[in-house]
């Protein structure tokens, strides 16, 4: 039988020193998305239903292209951070590590695909 104090049992199980940073990153990205999503819906809705040439001409202007790029980047980064919290809380062991890697790869791949698509249309 081991005689350990409460402090000794808690050693190594304390703060990881990254919770506040992660909290503020999620708050900042959610506030940014609060403005970006309506702007994206307005700019995307204006081009919805038009032919390819009109949409290409519309997204070759800087404002719609920048709004779309920022929405993709901030949105998928916010998704990745939120999914990371869920995975860390509910999936443990090797399955948690693999799931975290897969979700992070998926998030950055979708972000890159969105940025590439807008860049290809805009340039």
C-alpha atoms as a PDB file:
ATOM      1  CA  UNK A   1       0.000   0.000   0.000  1.00  0.00           C
ATOM      2  CA  UNK A   2       1.349   3.393  -1.014  1.00  0.00           C
ATOM      3  CA  UNK A   3       1.012   6.388   1.215  1.00  0.00           C
ATOM      4  CA  UNK A   4       0.758   9.404  -1.069  1.00  0.00           C
ATOM      5  CA  UNK A   5      -0.337  12.881  -0.215  1.00  0.00           C
ATOM      6  CA  UNK A   6      -2.935  14.651  -2.329  1.00  0.00           C
ATOM      7  CA  UNK A   7      -0.236  16.899  -3.748  1.00  0.00           C
ATOM      8  CA  UNK A   8       1.927  13.949  -4.753  1.00  0.00           C
ATOM      9  CA  UNK A   9      -1.020  12.226  -6.463  1.00  0.00           C
ATOM     10  CA  UNK A  10      -1.786  15.396  -8.471  1.00  0.00           C
ATOM     11  CA  UNK A  11       1.781  15.968  -9.657  1.00  0.00           C
ATOM     12  CA  UNK A  12       1.906  15.866 -13.408  1.00  0.00           C
ATOM     13  CA  UNK A  13      -1.876  16.104 -13.774  1.00  0.00           C
ATOM     14  CA  UNK A  14      -2.154  19.873 -13.552  1.00  0.00           C
ATOM     15  CA  UNK A  15      -2.481  22.633 -16.063  1.00  0.00           C
ATOM     16  CA  UNK A  16      -0.889  22.188 -19.464  1.00  0.00           C
ATOM     17  CA  UNK A  17      -0.454  25.993 -19.659  1.00  0.00           C
ATOM     18  CA  UNK A  18      -2.304  26.215 -22.998  1.00  0.00           C
ATOM     19  CA  UNK A  19      -5.940  26.421 -21.936  1.00  0.00           C
ATOM     20  CA  UNK A  20      -6.192  30.211 -21.895  1.00  0.00           C
ATOM     21  CA  UNK A  21      -4.570  30.536 -25.318  1.00  0.00           C
ATOM     22  CA  UNK A  22      -6.878  27.916 -26.784  1.00  0.00           C
ATOM     23  CA  UNK A  23      -9.912  29.570 -25.169  1.00  0.00           C
ATOM     24  CA  UNK A  24      -9.051  32.983 -26.614  1.00  0.00           C
ATOM     25  CA  UNK A  25      -8.242  31.550 -30.042  1.00  0.00           C
ATOM     26  CA  UNK A  26     -11.703  29.966 -30.151  1.00  0.00           C
ATOM     27  CA  UNK A  27     -13.359  33.198 -28.989  1.00  0.00           C
ATOM     28  CA  UNK A  28     -11.523  35.352 -31.524  1.00  0.00           C
ATOM     29  CA  UNK A  29     -12.249  32.987 -34.407  1.00  0.00           C
ATOM     30  CA  UNK A  30     -15.922  32.733 -33.429  1.00  0.00           C
ATOM     31  CA  UNK A  31     -16.264  36.536 -33.365  1.00  0.00           C
ATOM     32  CA  UNK A  32     -14.481  36.741 -36.725  1.00  0.00           C
ATOM     33  CA  UNK A  33     -16.887  34.149 -38.144  1.00  0.00           C
ATOM     34  CA  UNK A  34     -19.794  36.149 -36.737  1.00  0.00           C
ATOM     35  CA  UNK A  35     -18.907  38.847 -39.284  1.00  0.00           C
ATOM     36  CA  UNK A  36     -17.443  36.672 -42.051  1.00  0.00           C
ATOM     37  CA  UNK A  37     -20.338  34.230 -42.499  1.00  0.00           C
ATOM     38  CA  UNK A  38     -22.966  36.904 -43.307  1.00  0.00           C
ATOM     39  CA  UNK A  39     -20.480  38.674 -45.606  1.00  0.00           C
ATOM     40  CA  UNK A  40     -19.708  35.382 -47.331  1.00  0.00           C
ATOM     41  CA  UNK A  41     -23.411  34.637 -47.732  1.00  0.00           C
ATOM     42  CA  UNK A  42     -23.994  38.060 -49.279  1.00  0.00           C
ATOM     43  CA  UNK A  43     -21.054  37.806 -51.684  1.00  0.00           C
ATOM     44  CA  UNK A  44     -21.675  34.156 -52.553  1.00  0.00           C
ATOM     45  CA  UNK A  45     -25.413  34.725 -52.887  1.00  0.00           C
ATOM     46  CA  UNK A  46     -24.807  37.512 -55.368  1.00  0.00           C
ATOM     47  CA  UNK A  47     -22.945  35.102 -57.647  1.00  0.00           C
ATOM     48  CA  UNK A  48     -25.248  32.120 -57.119  1.00  0.00           C
ATOM     49  CA  UNK A  49     -27.004  30.915 -60.253  1.00  0.00           C
ATOM     50  CA  UNK A  50     -24.825  32.852 -62.698  1.00  0.00           C
ATOM     51  CA  UNK A  51     -22.807  31.233 -65.453  1.00  0.00           C
ATOM     52  CA  UNK A  52     -19.102  30.396 -65.073  1.00  0.00           C
ATOM     53  CA  UNK A  53     -17.819  33.504 -66.853  1.00  0.00           C
ATOM     54  CA  UNK A  54     -19.862  35.842 -64.647  1.00  0.00           C
ATOM     55  CA  UNK A  55     -18.792  34.090 -61.451  1.00  0.00           C
ATOM     56  CA  UNK A  56     -15.144  34.134 -62.534  1.00  0.00           C
ATOM     57  CA  UNK A  57     -15.394  37.854 -63.283  1.00  0.00           C
ATOM     58  CA  UNK A  58     -17.152  38.486 -59.938  1.00  0.00           C
ATOM     59  CA  UNK A  59     -14.538  36.625 -57.883  1.00  0.00           C
ATOM     60  CA  UNK A  60     -11.679  38.262 -59.759  1.00  0.00           C
ATOM     61  CA  UNK A  61     -12.556  41.412 -57.793  1.00  0.00           C
ATOM     62  CA  UNK A  62     -10.622  41.655 -54.513  1.00  0.00           C
ATOM     63  CA  UNK A  63     -13.435  42.031 -51.972  1.00  0.00           C
ATOM     64  CA  UNK A  64     -15.428  38.835 -52.722  1.00  0.00           C
ATOM     65  CA  UNK A  65     -12.230  36.804 -53.103  1.00  0.00           C
ATOM     66  CA  UNK A  66     -10.768  38.063 -49.802  1.00  0.00           C
ATOM     67  CA  UNK A  67     -14.033  37.426 -47.944  1.00  0.00           C
ATOM     68  CA  UNK A  68     -14.197  33.878 -49.329  1.00  0.00           C
ATOM     69  CA  UNK A  69     -10.538  33.190 -48.461  1.00  0.00           C
ATOM     70  CA  UNK A  70     -10.864  34.526 -44.920  1.00  0.00           C
ATOM     71  CA  UNK A  71     -14.053  32.528 -44.392  1.00  0.00           C
ATOM     72  CA  UNK A  72     -12.356  29.301 -45.505  1.00  0.00           C
ATOM     73  CA  UNK A  73      -9.218  29.873 -43.435  1.00  0.00           C
ATOM     74  CA  UNK A  74     -10.890  31.048 -40.214  1.00  0.00           C
ATOM     75  CA  UNK A  75     -13.780  28.586 -40.537  1.00  0.00           C
ATOM     76  CA  UNK A  76     -11.644  25.493 -40.941  1.00  0.00           C
ATOM     77  CA  UNK A  77      -9.204  26.612 -38.234  1.00  0.00           C
ATOM     78  CA  UNK A  78     -12.171  27.107 -35.886  1.00  0.00           C
ATOM     79  CA  UNK A  79     -13.495  23.667 -36.869  1.00  0.00           C
ATOM     80  CA  UNK A  80     -10.102  22.100 -36.164  1.00  0.00           C
ATOM     81  CA  UNK A  81      -9.809  23.719 -32.727  1.00  0.00           C
ATOM     82  CA  UNK A  82     -13.337  22.728 -31.735  1.00  0.00           C
ATOM     83  CA  UNK A  83     -12.929  19.170 -32.959  1.00  0.00           C
ATOM     84  CA  UNK A  84      -9.634  18.934 -31.068  1.00  0.00           C
ATOM     85  CA  UNK A  85     -11.389  19.820 -27.795  1.00  0.00           C
ATOM     86  CA  UNK A  86     -14.098  17.217 -28.424  1.00  0.00           C
ATOM     87  CA  UNK A  87     -11.608  14.493 -29.333  1.00  0.00           C
ATOM     88  CA  UNK A  88      -9.377  15.230 -26.340  1.00  0.00           C
ATOM     89  CA  UNK A  89     -12.379  15.092 -24.006  1.00  0.00           C
ATOM     90  CA  UNK A  90     -14.143  11.997 -25.330  1.00  0.00           C
ATOM     91  CA  UNK A  91     -11.684   9.791 -27.246  1.00  0.00           C
ATOM     92  CA  UNK A  92      -8.763   8.347 -25.295  1.00  0.00           C
ATOM     93  CA  UNK A  93      -5.627   6.376 -26.006  1.00  0.00           C
ATOM     94  CA  UNK A  94      -4.315   5.519 -29.436  1.00  0.00           C
ATOM     95  CA  UNK A  95      -7.736   6.007 -31.036  1.00  0.00           C
ATOM     96  CA  UNK A  96      -7.773   9.599 -29.786  1.00  0.00           C
ATOM     97  CA  UNK A  97      -4.351  10.334 -31.220  1.00  0.00           C
ATOM     98  CA  UNK A  98      -5.225   8.829 -34.588  1.00  0.00           C
ATOM     99  CA  UNK A  99      -8.565  10.638 -34.702  1.00  0.00           C
ATOM    100  CA  UNK A 100      -6.909  13.922 -33.822  1.00  0.00           C
ATOM    101  CA  UNK A 101      -4.346  13.495 -36.604  1.00  0.00           C
ATOM    102  CA  UNK A 102      -7.035  12.570 -39.144  1.00  0.00           C
ATOM    103  CA  UNK A 103      -9.297  15.493 -38.236  1.00  0.00           C
ATOM    104  CA  UNK A 104      -6.377  17.921 -38.369  1.00  0.00           C
ATOM    105  CA  UNK A 105      -5.313  16.606 -41.779  1.00  0.00           C
ATOM    106  CA  UNK A 106      -8.897  16.809 -43.042  1.00  0.00           C
ATOM    107  CA  UNK A 107      -9.282  20.360 -41.763  1.00  0.00           C
ATOM    108  CA  UNK A 108      -6.099  21.640 -43.376  1.00  0.00           C
ATOM    109  CA  UNK A 109      -6.763  19.737 -46.615  1.00  0.00           C
ATOM    110  CA  UNK A 110     -10.223  21.298 -46.942  1.00  0.00           C
ATOM    111  CA  UNK A 111      -8.788  24.708 -46.077  1.00  0.00           C
ATOM    112  CA  UNK A 112      -6.122  24.332 -48.760  1.00  0.00           C
ATOM    113  CA  UNK A 113      -8.678  23.140 -51.316  1.00  0.00           C
ATOM    114  CA  UNK A 114     -10.894  26.152 -50.645  1.00  0.00           C
ATOM    115  CA  UNK A 115      -8.003  28.581 -50.862  1.00  0.00           C
ATOM    116  CA  UNK A 116      -6.770  26.945 -54.068  1.00  0.00           C
ATOM    117  CA  UNK A 117     -10.230  27.080 -55.658  1.00  0.00           C
ATOM    118  CA  UNK A 118     -10.724  30.761 -54.872  1.00  0.00           C
ATOM    119  CA  UNK A 119      -7.175  31.607 -55.957  1.00  0.00           C
ATOM    120  CA  UNK A 120      -7.632  29.727 -59.226  1.00  0.00           C
ATOM    121  CA  UNK A 121     -10.866  31.594 -59.954  1.00  0.00           C
ATOM    122  CA  UNK A 122      -9.575  34.977 -58.777  1.00  0.00           C
ATOM    123  CA  UNK A 123      -6.272  34.930 -60.657  1.00  0.00           C
END
